[in-house]
Each structure stands twice: as C-alpha cells, then as structure tokens.
Amino acid sequence: MSTLVIGHRGAPGYRPEHTRSSYELALAQGVDAVEPDVVVSKDGVLVVRHENEISTTTDVADRPEFAARRVTKRFAGYELTGWFTEDFTWDELSRLRCRERLPKLRPDNTAYDGQEPMLRLRDVLELAAAADRGVVVELKHAVYFASIGWDLPGLVAAELHAAGWADGIHPLVIESFESTALAQVREQGIVARYVYLLEATGTPVDLALAQGRDAPTYAWTASPPGLDSLVGQVDGISVDKAFLTGATRPGTLVADAHARGLLAYTWTCRPENTFLSRPYRRGGGKRAFGDYTGEWGMLRDLGVDGVFADHPDLAVAVFRR
C-alpha cells in the first residue's frame, strides 16, 4: 500500500496556509486528503486556523476596530498576547484576510497576503467532498476550550453529522494531541480513523492536568509499553518526524506500531533546510531546499502509512514512487 499523502493545511509551501487557494492547490496536486486545524469562534463556529491566536496568520493587528481585542491569556504553563478566535464572532472573523505565517522563510507566499478570507471547517469539508478526497481534522486545544465553555469534540461531531461526513461515506481521520478529545469524538459515533499526535518532547496537556506528575510523556507513549496502552483506544499514531530521523528510536517505531495493529503517520515533510534533519541539509541557507528526497525516501522505506506535507506535489513524487 502506498503512503497516504496529506496536504498539511492545504499546500502552504505555495500559498498562505488554510486558505481556499491553498486547499484547492493541494487537491489539484494529487493529495489523498487535506488537513484543517480546528478552533472555535465566539459564537461557536468551527474556524480553520493553525492556532486560536491569529495575529501571525491574518491582518487583525492592522484593523483599528479590533485593537481593543488584543489581550494576554494564560494557558497551561505559559502566557500569550494577541488576538484570539474565541473573542470574535464568525461574522467578524470573516472580514479578516489571511497572511503568510512564515514570511521570512517563504517570501514568495507574501504576494498572496490580504487576498483571501478565513475558512470554516464546513468549507474545507465541501471542497474535499467535491474532489472526492479525504479530510484529516485536527482538534486544537480542546481542554482550553472546555475551560471557557466550549465542547470542541461535541461541536466537531455535530458539524461532521450536519455535513454528511459522520457515517464513513468520505475518508475521514480525527487527530489530536489530546487523547481525551479523540475519545469524546469517538463516543459520538463518528466513523473515522482516530490518530493520536505525539510531540518529540513534553507531556499531553489533558493528561498533565488530570494526572499531574504521573501523566505519561509523549516519548513514553511512543515506547513499546506506551504503544501497548494505545491498542483498542486509537487506530494509530502520528509522530514528529524527529522520532524517525535520528532521535529516540530511529527505524523501530513504525515497525513497533505495526506489530500492534496501529497505523504510523509522521509530520511534517518540508523541503527547506531549516526543517530537514541535519544529515539532509545542504548549502544555500535556511530557505534553500536540501536533500528532501533523501529524508523522505528514508521515511517511505520505513513504511510510514501517512505523511503531512507542505509541498504536496513534491511529496506525491517521493511517496508514490
């Protein structure tokens, strides 16, 4: 079976992430699925953004009518100042325009700044259904949203039902760094593959809040005993590629997952030197493309089941070779 190629927030190597043109380009370049990150607006609309803080991906900071919305919020262990989706209605958010999140790294994408509005989850589902492709829905900050009164898993489940994506008609994956959020969506009868996202370091915020120092780390979860604990709870894992490119246990994690009947995805495949593991970096600086075909070919040969890519056309060429 070939590796599933997933357009990570669309095709952000070529267009500002989470825009309509980014998703349309990813679909045109032949991805199997696209991946929207989902957060919540003030009036309960599911908004597609990398984070609920939107000053780096929209023109909100330049809008004088929203200057007073700039606030500092405290999350699990850190503070963040900016503008947050949960403080805006969808009508207000729809007036903003998207920007390139990494302008110094991807300056060509800034040519598209200010041209497109934000999207809702419903918009991405419609685009994917029209193209007969899958969607990988990532739930962001479910514990935080619950603390301010929003049931993110419940909202996602309701939207999938309303949009005709709940019964397995379309290829659907639900993913999150919070395993409790995955369980809550699954309990509502959504037919999908459930994939647990694992950072290279740290501890899941939902488990840390519930269990304190006894909470399992992401690294432990990627170990054989940790993978054992996931059997029957999720369908697979999606790991920071540092797990596979020279960090914890290169070459064994995918096989360990498969031995337990778990899928193994990895993120994120990006060709620029700054994102490649050291052996695959080449000259030309951070923005220059390194030996991405070497790194990605190694991931392909490990047998990963899915990859998230910013440049879908390049990933299709490597992973479907």
C-alpha atoms as a PDB file:
ATOM      1  CA  MET A   1       0.000   0.000   0.000  1.00  0.00           C
ATOM      2  CA  SER A   2       1.349   3.446  -0.895  1.00  0.00           C
ATOM      3  CA  THR A   3       1.827   6.100   1.747  1.00  0.00           C
ATOM      4  CA  LEU A   4      -1.115   8.453   2.293  1.00  0.00           C
ATOM      5  CA  VAL A   5      -0.084  11.974   1.254  1.00  0.00           C
ATOM      6  CA  ILE A   6      -1.899  14.643   3.276  1.00  0.00           C
ATOM      7  CA  GLY A   7      -1.883  18.320   2.361  1.00  0.00           C
ATOM      8  CA  HIS A   8      -0.793  19.917   5.634  1.00  0.00           C
ATOM      9  CA  ARG A   9      -3.140  22.912   5.987  1.00  0.00           C
ATOM     10  CA  GLY A  10      -3.513  22.715   2.228  1.00  0.00           C
ATOM     11  CA  ALA A  11      -0.362  23.495   0.269  1.00  0.00           C
ATOM     12  CA  PRO A  12       1.352  26.117   2.472  1.00  0.00           C
ATOM     13  CA  GLY A  13       4.638  25.756   0.641  1.00  0.00           C
ATOM     14  CA  TYR A  14       2.949  27.710  -2.166  1.00  0.00           C
ATOM     15  CA  ARG A  15       0.068  29.671  -0.617  1.00  0.00           C
ATOM     16  CA  PRO A  16      -0.746  31.044   2.849  1.00  0.00           C
ATOM     17  CA  GLU A  17      -1.943  28.137   4.954  1.00  0.00           C
ATOM     18  CA  HIS A  18      -5.615  27.330   5.497  1.00  0.00           C
ATOM     19  CA  THR A  19      -6.791  29.467   2.576  1.00  0.00           C
ATOM     20  CA  ARG A  20      -9.137  28.260  -0.125  1.00  0.00           C
ATOM     21  CA  SER A  21      -6.408  28.536  -2.756  1.00  0.00           C
ATOM     22  CA  SER A  22      -4.058  26.512  -0.540  1.00  0.00           C
ATOM     23  CA  TYR A  23      -6.562  23.670  -0.229  1.00  0.00           C
ATOM     24  CA  GLU A  24      -7.523  23.811  -3.900  1.00  0.00           C
ATOM     25  CA  LEU A  25      -3.877  23.611  -4.919  1.00  0.00           C
ATOM     26  CA  ALA A  26      -3.245  20.633  -2.647  1.00  0.00           C
ATOM     27  CA  LEU A  27      -6.207  18.810  -4.151  1.00  0.00           C
ATOM     28  CA  ALA A  28      -5.024  19.667  -7.670  1.00  0.00           C
ATOM     29  CA  GLN A  29      -1.558  18.321  -6.847  1.00  0.00           C
ATOM     30  CA  GLY A  30      -2.995  14.914  -6.040  1.00  0.00           C
ATOM     31  CA  VAL A  31      -3.143  14.577  -2.260  1.00  0.00           C
ATOM     32  CA  ASP A  32      -5.198  11.801  -0.723  1.00  0.00           C
ATOM     33  CA  ALA A  33      -6.507  14.137   1.968  1.00  0.00           C
ATOM     34  CA  VAL A  34      -6.184  17.648   3.363  1.00  0.00           C
ATOM     35  CA  GLU A  35      -5.699  18.622   6.990  1.00  0.00           C
ATOM     36  CA  PRO A  36      -7.575  21.512   8.630  1.00  0.00           C
ATOM     37  CA  ASP A  37      -6.779  22.573  12.211  1.00  0.00           C
ATOM     38  CA  VAL A  38      -9.976  23.462  14.046  1.00  0.00           C
ATOM     39  CA  VAL A  39     -10.598  26.118  16.706  1.00  0.00           C
ATOM     40  CA  VAL A  40     -13.762  27.931  17.878  1.00  0.00           C
ATOM     41  CA  SER A  41     -15.209  31.411  17.386  1.00  0.00           C
ATOM     42  CA  LYS A  42     -17.117  33.439  19.984  1.00  0.00           C
ATOM     43  CA  ASP A  43     -20.403  32.190  18.577  1.00  0.00           C
ATOM     44  CA  GLY A  44     -19.410  28.532  18.300  1.00  0.00           C
ATOM     45  CA  VAL A  45     -18.370  28.345  14.646  1.00  0.00           C
ATOM     46  CA  LEU A  46     -15.570  25.907  13.864  1.00  0.00           C
ATOM     47  CA  VAL A  47     -12.809  28.005  12.310  1.00  0.00           C
ATOM     48  CA  VAL A  48      -9.836  26.647  10.374  1.00  0.00           C
ATOM     49  CA  ARG A  49      -6.630  28.128  11.825  1.00  0.00           C
ATOM     50  CA  HIS A  50      -3.278  26.760  12.984  1.00  0.00           C
ATOM     51  CA  GLU A  51      -3.898  28.324  16.402  1.00  0.00           C
ATOM     52  CA  ASN A  52      -6.646  30.283  18.085  1.00  0.00           C
ATOM     53  CA  GLU A  53      -4.191  33.234  18.252  1.00  0.00           C
ATOM     54  CA  ILE A  54      -4.449  34.800  14.797  1.00  0.00           C
ATOM     55  CA  SER A  55      -2.085  37.780  14.608  1.00  0.00           C
ATOM     56  CA  THR A  56       0.559  35.856  12.646  1.00  0.00           C
ATOM     57  CA  THR A  57      -1.848  34.478  10.031  1.00  0.00           C
ATOM     58  CA  THR A  58      -4.313  37.347   9.460  1.00  0.00           C
ATOM     59  CA  ASP A  59      -4.350  41.137   9.223  1.00  0.00           C
ATOM     60  CA  VAL A  60      -6.166  41.526  12.555  1.00  0.00           C
ATOM     61  CA  ALA A  61      -3.319  43.590  14.060  1.00  0.00           C
ATOM     62  CA  ASP A  62      -3.820  46.187  11.318  1.00  0.00           C
ATOM     63  CA  ARG A  63      -7.538  46.585  11.965  1.00  0.00           C
ATOM     64  CA  PRO A  64      -8.114  49.594  14.246  1.00  0.00           C
ATOM     65  CA  GLU A  65     -11.655  48.456  15.004  1.00  0.00           C
ATOM     66  CA  PHE A  66     -10.205  45.367  16.713  1.00  0.00           C
ATOM     67  CA  ALA A  67      -7.286  46.986  18.544  1.00  0.00           C
ATOM     68  CA  ALA A  68      -9.025  46.647  21.908  1.00  0.00           C
ATOM     69  CA  ARG A  69      -9.396  42.894  21.449  1.00  0.00           C
ATOM     70  CA  ARG A  70      -5.650  42.380  21.980  1.00  0.00           C
ATOM     71  CA  VAL A  71      -5.290  40.559  25.286  1.00  0.00           C
ATOM     72  CA  THR A  72      -2.900  38.372  27.251  1.00  0.00           C
ATOM     73  CA  LYS A  73      -4.147  34.899  28.147  1.00  0.00           C
ATOM     74  CA  ARG A  74      -2.688  32.199  30.315  1.00  0.00           C
ATOM     75  CA  PHE A  75      -2.647  28.653  29.042  1.00  0.00           C
ATOM     76  CA  ALA A  76      -1.145  25.516  30.580  1.00  0.00           C
ATOM     77  CA  GLY A  77       2.212  26.792  31.742  1.00  0.00           C
ATOM     78  CA  TYR A  78       2.621  29.863  29.527  1.00  0.00           C
ATOM     79  CA  GLU A  79       1.150  33.240  28.625  1.00  0.00           C
ATOM     80  CA  LEU A  80       0.357  34.515  25.145  1.00  0.00           C
ATOM     81  CA  THR A  81      -0.597  38.000  23.980  1.00  0.00           C
ATOM     82  CA  GLY A  82      -2.561  38.586  20.810  1.00  0.00           C
ATOM     83  CA  TRP A  83      -5.972  38.265  19.206  1.00  0.00           C
ATOM     84  CA  PHE A  84      -7.935  35.027  19.712  1.00  0.00           C
ATOM     85  CA  THR A  85     -10.700  33.435  17.672  1.00  0.00           C
ATOM     86  CA  GLU A  86     -12.870  32.870  20.737  1.00  0.00           C
ATOM     87  CA  ASP A  87     -13.153  36.659  21.184  1.00  0.00           C
ATOM     88  CA  PHE A  88     -14.609  37.240  17.698  1.00  0.00           C
ATOM     89  CA  THR A  89     -17.864  36.197  16.082  1.00  0.00           C
ATOM     90  CA  TRP A  90     -17.637  34.372  12.790  1.00  0.00           C
ATOM     91  CA  ASP A  91     -19.008  37.439  11.029  1.00  0.00           C
ATOM     92  CA  GLU A  92     -16.083  39.459  12.402  1.00  0.00           C
ATOM     93  CA  LEU A  93     -13.524  36.787  11.583  1.00  0.00           C
ATOM     94  CA  SER A  94     -14.830  36.508   8.032  1.00  0.00           C
ATOM     95  CA  ARG A  95     -13.857  40.145   7.427  1.00  0.00           C
ATOM     96  CA  LEU A  96     -10.172  39.457   8.155  1.00  0.00           C
ATOM     97  CA  ARG A  97      -7.744  38.476   5.427  1.00  0.00           C
ATOM     98  CA  CYS A  98      -5.112  35.771   5.590  1.00  0.00           C
ATOM     99  CA  ARG A  99      -1.342  36.209   5.587  1.00  0.00           C
ATOM    100  CA  GLU A 100       1.706  34.005   5.172  1.00  0.00           C
ATOM    101  CA  ARG A 101       2.705  32.650   8.606  1.00  0.00           C
ATOM    102  CA  LEU A 102       6.409  32.266   7.724  1.00  0.00           C
ATOM    103  CA  PRO A 103       7.192  35.345   5.592  1.00  0.00           C
ATOM    104  CA  LYS A 104      10.966  35.260   6.098  1.00  0.00           C
ATOM    105  CA  LEU A 105      11.171  31.608   5.126  1.00  0.00           C
ATOM    106  CA  ARG A 106       8.592  31.725   2.324  1.00  0.00           C
ATOM    107  CA  PRO A 107       8.652  35.296   0.996  1.00  0.00           C
ATOM    108  CA  ASP A 108       7.066  34.337  -2.326  1.00  0.00           C
ATOM    109  CA  ASN A 109       3.858  33.476  -0.491  1.00  0.00           C
ATOM    110  CA  THR A 110       3.508  37.030   0.785  1.00  0.00           C
ATOM    111  CA  ALA A 111       2.361  38.007  -2.709  1.00  0.00           C
ATOM    112  CA  TYR A 112      -0.960  36.429  -1.715  1.00  0.00           C
ATOM    113  CA  ASP A 113      -1.310  38.292   1.593  1.00  0.00           C
ATOM    114  CA  GLY A 114      -4.603  40.072   2.076  1.00  0.00           C
ATOM    115  CA  GLN A 115      -6.403  38.309  -0.759  1.00  0.00           C
ATOM    116  CA  GLU A 116      -8.457  35.620   0.951  1.00  0.00           C
ATOM    117  CA  PRO A 117     -10.785  35.317   3.941  1.00  0.00           C
ATOM    118  CA  MET A 118     -10.614  32.687   6.637  1.00  0.00           C
ATOM    119  CA  LEU A 119     -12.450  29.397   6.222  1.00  0.00           C
ATOM    120  CA  ARG A 120     -14.728  27.293   8.381  1.00  0.00           C
ATOM    121  CA  LEU A 121     -14.436  23.547   8.796  1.00  0.00           C
ATOM    122  CA  ARG A 122     -17.618  23.257   6.712  1.00  0.00           C
ATOM    123  CA  ASP A 123     -15.884  24.989   3.794  1.00  0.00           C
ATOM    124  CA  VAL A 124     -12.985  22.512   3.791  1.00  0.00           C
ATOM    125  CA  LEU A 125     -15.333  19.532   4.043  1.00  0.00           C
ATOM    126  CA  GLU A 126     -17.222  20.795   0.996  1.00  0.00           C
ATOM    127  CA  LEU A 127     -14.023  21.291  -1.007  1.00  0.00           C
ATOM    128  CA  ALA A 128     -12.778  17.790  -0.191  1.00  0.00           C
ATOM    129  CA  ALA A 129     -16.129  16.144  -0.897  1.00  0.00           C
ATOM    130  CA  ALA A 130     -16.340  17.845  -4.292  1.00  0.00           C
ATOM    131  CA  ALA A 131     -12.876  16.488  -5.137  1.00  0.00           C
ATOM    132  CA  ASP A 132     -13.653  13.030  -3.678  1.00  0.00           C
ATOM    133  CA  ARG A 133     -10.738  13.227  -1.232  1.00  0.00           C
ATOM    134  CA  GLY A 134     -10.353  12.681   2.455  1.00  0.00           C
ATOM    135  CA  VAL A 135     -10.053  15.085   5.366  1.00  0.00           C
ATOM    136  CA  VAL A 136      -7.855  14.846   8.452  1.00  0.00           C
ATOM    137  CA  VAL A 137      -9.471  17.015  11.143  1.00  0.00           C
ATOM    138  CA  GLU A 138      -7.159  18.164  13.930  1.00  0.00           C
ATOM    139  CA  LEU A 139      -8.774  19.309  17.159  1.00  0.00           C
ATOM    140  CA  LYS A 140      -6.710  22.098  18.724  1.00  0.00           C
ATOM    141  CA  HIS A 141      -6.692  22.946  22.447  1.00  0.00           C
ATOM    142  CA  ALA A 142      -9.806  21.011  23.444  1.00  0.00           C
ATOM    143  CA  VAL A 143      -9.008  21.279  27.171  1.00  0.00           C
ATOM    144  CA  TYR A 144      -8.561  25.038  26.915  1.00  0.00           C
ATOM    145  CA  PHE A 145     -11.801  25.494  25.003  1.00  0.00           C
ATOM    146  CA  ALA A 146     -13.622  23.359  27.578  1.00  0.00           C
ATOM    147  CA  SER A 147     -12.316  25.706  30.291  1.00  0.00           C
ATOM    148  CA  ILE A 148     -14.120  28.630  28.620  1.00  0.00           C
ATOM    149  CA  GLY A 149     -17.315  26.717  27.986  1.00  0.00           C
ATOM    150  CA  TRP A 150     -16.876  25.215  24.515  1.00  0.00           C
ATOM    151  CA  ASP A 151     -17.160  21.476  23.906  1.00  0.00           C
ATOM    152  CA  LEU A 152     -14.840  21.238  20.906  1.00  0.00           C
ATOM    153  CA  PRO A 153     -15.271  17.470  20.383  1.00  0.00           C
ATOM    154  CA  GLY A 154     -19.040  17.880  20.532  1.00  0.00           C
ATOM    155  CA  LEU A 155     -19.001  20.772  18.078  1.00  0.00           C
ATOM    156  CA  VAL A 156     -16.819  18.813  15.658  1.00  0.00           C
ATOM    157  CA  ALA A 157     -19.046  15.747  15.878  1.00  0.00           C
ATOM    158  CA  ALA A 158     -22.161  17.842  15.269  1.00  0.00           C
ATOM    159  CA  GLU A 159     -20.575  19.549  12.252  1.00  0.00           C
ATOM    160  CA  LEU A 160     -19.488  16.226  10.747  1.00  0.00           C
ATOM    161  CA  HIS A 161     -23.033  14.885  11.135  1.00  0.00           C
ATOM    162  CA  ALA A 162     -24.542  18.023   9.595  1.00  0.00           C
ATOM    163  CA  ALA A 163     -22.108  17.990   6.661  1.00  0.00           C
ATOM    164  CA  GLY A 164     -22.621  14.300   5.849  1.00  0.00           C
ATOM    165  CA  TRP A 165     -19.160  13.223   6.998  1.00  0.00           C
ATOM    166  CA  ALA A 166     -20.108  11.175  10.072  1.00  0.00           C
ATOM    167  CA  ASP A 167     -21.036   7.815   8.558  1.00  0.00           C
ATOM    168  CA  GLY A 168     -17.936   6.760   6.665  1.00  0.00           C
ATOM    169  CA  ILE A 169     -19.086   7.924   3.228  1.00  0.00           C
ATOM    170  CA  HIS A 170     -15.924  10.011   2.888  1.00  0.00           C
ATOM    171  CA  PRO A 171     -12.411   9.090   4.095  1.00  0.00           C
ATOM    172  CA  LEU A 172     -12.058  10.767   7.488  1.00  0.00           C
ATOM    173  CA  VAL A 173      -9.339  10.906  10.133  1.00  0.00           C
ATOM    174  CA  ILE A 174      -9.708  12.606  13.511  1.00  0.00           C
ATOM    175  CA  GLU A 175      -6.442  13.599  15.192  1.00  0.00           C
ATOM    176  CA  SER A 176      -5.371  15.454  18.313  1.00  0.00           C
ATOM    177  CA  PHE A 177      -2.518  15.845  20.766  1.00  0.00           C
ATOM    178  CA  GLU A 178      -5.178  15.224  23.448  1.00  0.00           C
ATOM    179  CA  SER A 179      -6.303  11.593  23.611  1.00  0.00           C
ATOM    180  CA  THR A 180      -9.321  12.548  25.718  1.00  0.00           C
ATOM    181  CA  ALA A 181     -10.623  14.676  22.834  1.00  0.00           C
ATOM    182  CA  LEU A 182     -10.304  11.731  20.450  1.00  0.00           C
ATOM    183  CA  ALA A 183     -12.296   9.533  22.821  1.00  0.00           C
ATOM    184  CA  GLN A 184     -15.004  12.161  23.152  1.00  0.00           C
ATOM    185  CA  VAL A 185     -15.496  12.398  19.390  1.00  0.00           C
ATOM    186  CA  ARG A 186     -15.474   8.620  19.010  1.00  0.00           C
ATOM    187  CA  GLU A 187     -18.152   8.288  21.699  1.00  0.00           C
ATOM    188  CA  GLN A 188     -20.491  10.292  19.462  1.00  0.00           C
ATOM    189  CA  GLY A 189     -20.470   7.687  16.720  1.00  0.00           C
ATOM    190  CA  ILE A 190     -18.275   9.381  14.131  1.00  0.00           C
ATOM    191  CA  VAL A 191     -16.948   6.748  11.710  1.00  0.00           C
ATOM    192  CA  ALA A 192     -13.288   7.628  11.219  1.00  0.00           C
ATOM    193  CA  ARG A 193      -9.746   6.592  11.943  1.00  0.00           C
ATOM    194  CA  TYR A 194      -8.595   8.070  15.246  1.00  0.00           C
ATOM    195  CA  VAL A 195      -4.947   9.088  15.314  1.00  0.00           C
ATOM    196  CA  TYR A 196      -3.011  10.282  18.366  1.00  0.00           C
ATOM    197  CA  LEU A 197      -0.488  13.035  17.674  1.00  0.00           C
ATOM    198  CA  LEU A 198       2.829  12.719  19.527  1.00  0.00           C
ATOM    199  CA  GLU A 199       5.336  15.522  20.047  1.00  0.00           C
ATOM    200  CA  ALA A 200       9.021  14.634  20.287  1.00  0.00           C
ATOM    201  CA  THR A 201       9.134  16.054  23.834  1.00  0.00           C
ATOM    202  CA  GLY A 202       6.746  17.032  26.598  1.00  0.00           C
ATOM    203  CA  THR A 203       3.535  15.722  28.113  1.00  0.00           C
ATOM    204  CA  PRO A 204      -0.029  15.925  26.775  1.00  0.00           C
ATOM    205  CA  VAL A 205      -1.791  18.861  28.408  1.00  0.00           C
ATOM    206  CA  ASP A 206      -5.014  16.960  29.053  1.00  0.00           C
ATOM    207  CA  LEU A 207      -3.246  14.140  30.888  1.00  0.00           C
ATOM    208  CA  ALA A 208      -0.923  16.506  32.732  1.00  0.00           C
ATOM    209  CA  LEU A 209      -3.900  18.412  34.100  1.00  0.00           C
ATOM    210  CA  ALA A 210      -5.663  15.200  35.110  1.00  0.00           C
ATOM    211  CA  GLN A 211      -2.718  13.173  36.439  1.00  0.00           C
ATOM    212  CA  GLY A 212      -0.014  15.663  37.329  1.00  0.00           C
ATOM    213  CA  ARG A 213       3.468  14.182  37.507  1.00  0.00           C
ATOM    214  CA  ASP A 214       2.074  10.702  36.882  1.00  0.00           C
ATOM    215  CA  ALA A 215       0.982  11.633  33.359  1.00  0.00           C
ATOM    216  CA  PRO A 216       2.759   9.716  30.587  1.00  0.00           C
ATOM    217  CA  THR A 217       5.081  11.726  28.361  1.00  0.00           C
ATOM    218  CA  TYR A 218       4.835  11.654  24.592  1.00  0.00           C
ATOM    219  CA  ALA A 219       8.179   9.847  24.473  1.00  0.00           C
ATOM    220  CA  TRP A 220       6.927   7.101  26.779  1.00  0.00           C
ATOM    221  CA  THR A 221       3.771   6.742  24.694  1.00  0.00           C
ATOM    222  CA  ALA A 222       5.979   6.047  21.654  1.00  0.00           C
ATOM    223  CA  SER A 223       7.791   3.269  23.533  1.00  0.00           C
ATOM    224  CA  PRO A 224       6.655  -0.380  23.304  1.00  0.00           C
ATOM    225  CA  PRO A 225       4.774  -0.247  26.660  1.00  0.00           C
ATOM    226  CA  GLY A 226       3.186   3.047  25.644  1.00  0.00           C
ATOM    227  CA  LEU A 227       2.075   1.662  22.306  1.00  0.00           C
ATOM    228  CA  ASP A 228       0.608  -1.325  24.144  1.00  0.00           C
ATOM    229  CA  SER A 229      -1.551   1.111  26.131  1.00  0.00           C
ATOM    230  CA  LEU A 230      -2.983   2.585  22.917  1.00  0.00           C
ATOM    231  CA  VAL A 231      -4.225  -0.688  21.444  1.00  0.00           C
ATOM    232  CA  GLY A 232      -8.004  -0.567  21.320  1.00  0.00           C
ATOM    233  CA  GLN A 233      -8.035   3.133  22.178  1.00  0.00           C
ATOM    234  CA  VAL A 234      -6.895   4.656  18.871  1.00  0.00           C
ATOM    235  CA  ASP A 235      -6.263   3.441  15.341  1.00  0.00           C
ATOM    236  CA  GLY A 236      -2.810   4.900  15.039  1.00  0.00           C
ATOM    237  CA  ILE A 237      -0.206   7.463  15.964  1.00  0.00           C
ATOM    238  CA  SER A 238       1.186  10.473  14.108  1.00  0.00           C
ATOM    239  CA  VAL A 239       4.636  11.428  15.304  1.00  0.00           C
ATOM    240  CA  ASP A 240       7.057  14.291  14.949  1.00  0.00           C
ATOM    241  CA  LYS A 241       9.475  13.007  12.328  1.00  0.00           C
ATOM    242  CA  ALA A 242      12.307  13.555  14.830  1.00  0.00           C
ATOM    243  CA  PHE A 243      11.233  10.167  16.211  1.00  0.00           C
ATOM    244  CA  LEU A 244      12.205   8.631  12.867  1.00  0.00           C
ATOM    245  CA  THR A 245      15.091  10.717  11.557  1.00  0.00           C
ATOM    246  CA  GLY A 246      17.729  10.248  14.207  1.00  0.00           C
ATOM    247  CA  ALA A 247      16.214  10.884  17.611  1.00  0.00           C
ATOM    248  CA  THR A 248      14.658   8.449  20.027  1.00  0.00           C
ATOM    249  CA  ARG A 249      14.490   5.081  18.255  1.00  0.00           C
ATOM    250  CA  PRO A 250      15.049   5.586  14.533  1.00  0.00           C
ATOM    251  CA  GLY A 251      13.902   2.712  12.406  1.00  0.00           C
ATOM    252  CA  THR A 252      11.909   0.881  15.065  1.00  0.00           C
ATOM    253  CA  LEU A 253       8.860   2.979  15.934  1.00  0.00           C
ATOM    254  CA  VAL A 254       6.955   2.300  12.719  1.00  0.00           C
ATOM    255  CA  ALA A 255       7.573  -1.428  12.996  1.00  0.00           C
ATOM    256  CA  ASP A 256       6.610  -1.389  16.683  1.00  0.00           C
ATOM    257  CA  ALA A 257       3.333   0.349  15.858  1.00  0.00           C
ATOM    258  CA  HIS A 258       2.543  -2.012  13.003  1.00  0.00           C
ATOM    259  CA  ALA A 259       3.249  -5.027  15.200  1.00  0.00           C
ATOM    260  CA  ARG A 260       0.402  -3.830  17.428  1.00  0.00           C
ATOM    261  CA  GLY A 261      -2.001  -3.128  14.577  1.00  0.00           C
ATOM    262  CA  LEU A 262      -1.528   0.632  14.793  1.00  0.00           C
ATOM    263  CA  LEU A 263      -1.091   2.989  11.850  1.00  0.00           C
ATOM    264  CA  ALA A 264       2.012   5.187  11.872  1.00  0.00           C
ATOM    265  CA  TYR A 265       1.877   8.667  10.314  1.00  0.00           C
ATOM    266  CA  THR A 266       4.559  11.350  10.557  1.00  0.00           C
ATOM    267  CA  TRP A 267       4.778  15.147  10.290  1.00  0.00           C
ATOM    268  CA  THR A 268       5.815  17.424   8.762  1.00  0.00           C
ATOM    269  CA  CYS A 269       7.579  16.865   5.435  1.00  0.00           C
ATOM    270  CA  ARG A 270       9.075  20.193   4.365  1.00  0.00           C
ATOM    271  CA  PRO A 271      11.938  20.539   1.877  1.00  0.00           C
ATOM    272  CA  GLU A 272      13.664  23.617   3.314  1.00  0.00           C
ATOM    273  CA  ASN A 273      16.968  23.086   5.106  1.00  0.00           C
ATOM    274  CA  THR A 274      15.645  24.539   8.346  1.00  0.00           C
ATOM    275  CA  PHE A 275      13.103  21.698   8.624  1.00  0.00           C
ATOM    276  CA  LEU A 276      15.284  18.798   7.483  1.00  0.00           C
ATOM    277  CA  SER A 277      17.268  16.631   9.869  1.00  0.00           C
ATOM    278  CA  ARG A 278      20.953  17.521   9.869  1.00  0.00           C
ATOM    279  CA  PRO A 279      22.281  14.801   7.522  1.00  0.00           C
ATOM    280  CA  TYR A 280      19.969  16.035   4.761  1.00  0.00           C
ATOM    281  CA  ARG A 281      20.717  19.773   4.921  1.00  0.00           C
ATOM    282  CA  ARG A 282      22.626  21.338   2.043  1.00  0.00           C
ATOM    283  CA  GLY A 283      24.076  24.770   1.216  1.00  0.00           C
ATOM    284  CA  GLY A 284      22.153  27.925   0.450  1.00  0.00           C
ATOM    285  CA  GLY A 285      20.772  28.837   3.855  1.00  0.00           C
ATOM    286  CA  LYS A 286      17.626  28.026   5.783  1.00  0.00           C
ATOM    287  CA  ARG A 287      15.216  28.747   2.917  1.00  0.00           C
ATOM    288  CA  ALA A 288      17.042  26.623   0.357  1.00  0.00           C
ATOM    289  CA  PHE A 289      15.818  23.121  -0.382  1.00  0.00           C
ATOM    290  CA  GLY A 290      18.075  20.411   0.987  1.00  0.00           C
ATOM    291  CA  ASP A 291      18.113  16.707   0.196  1.00  0.00           C
ATOM    292  CA  TYR A 292      14.449  16.300   0.986  1.00  0.00           C
ATOM    293  CA  THR A 293      14.153  13.328  -1.352  1.00  0.00           C
ATOM    294  CA  GLY A 294      16.751  11.528   0.762  1.00  0.00           C
ATOM    295  CA  GLU A 295      14.980  12.202   4.053  1.00  0.00           C
ATOM    296  CA  TRP A 296      11.518  11.488   2.712  1.00  0.00           C
ATOM    297  CA  GLY A 297      12.720   8.397   0.907  1.00  0.00           C
ATOM    298  CA  MET A 298      14.002   7.090   4.215  1.00  0.00           C
ATOM    299  CA  LEU A 299      10.581   7.685   5.785  1.00  0.00           C
ATOM    300  CA  ARG A 300       8.926   5.950   2.840  1.00  0.00           C
ATOM    301  CA  ASP A 301      11.222   2.958   3.200  1.00  0.00           C
ATOM    302  CA  LEU A 302      10.390   2.702   6.904  1.00  0.00           C
ATOM    303  CA  GLY A 303       6.816   2.004   5.819  1.00  0.00           C
ATOM    304  CA  VAL A 304       5.011   5.023   7.249  1.00  0.00           C
ATOM    305  CA  ASP A 305       1.300   4.921   6.499  1.00  0.00           C
ATOM    306  CA  GLY A 306       0.828   8.651   6.017  1.00  0.00           C
ATOM    307  CA  VAL A 307       2.780  11.895   5.779  1.00  0.00           C
ATOM    308  CA  PHE A 308       1.810  15.527   6.161  1.00  0.00           C
ATOM    309  CA  ALA A 309       3.445  17.751   3.560  1.00  0.00           C
ATOM    310  CA  ASP A 310       3.612  21.497   2.876  1.00  0.00           C
ATOM    311  CA  HIS A 311       4.555  20.937  -0.790  1.00  0.00           C
ATOM    312  CA  PRO A 312       2.111  18.213  -1.862  1.00  0.00           C
ATOM    313  CA  ASP A 313       3.462  17.813  -5.378  1.00  0.00           C
ATOM    314  CA  LEU A 314       6.949  17.038  -4.065  1.00  0.00           C
ATOM    315  CA  ALA A 315       5.569  14.558  -1.535  1.00  0.00           C
ATOM    316  CA  VAL A 316       3.449  12.806  -4.143  1.00  0.00           C
ATOM    317  CA  ALA A 317       6.550  12.381  -6.319  1.00  0.00           C
ATOM    318  CA  VAL A 318       8.556  10.788  -3.488  1.00  0.00           C
ATOM    319  CA  PHE A 319       5.989   8.719  -1.626  1.00  0.00           C
ATOM    320  CA  ARG A 320       4.247   7.288  -4.687  1.00  0.00           C
ATOM    321  CA  ARG A 321       7.495   6.385  -6.436  1.00  0.00           C
END
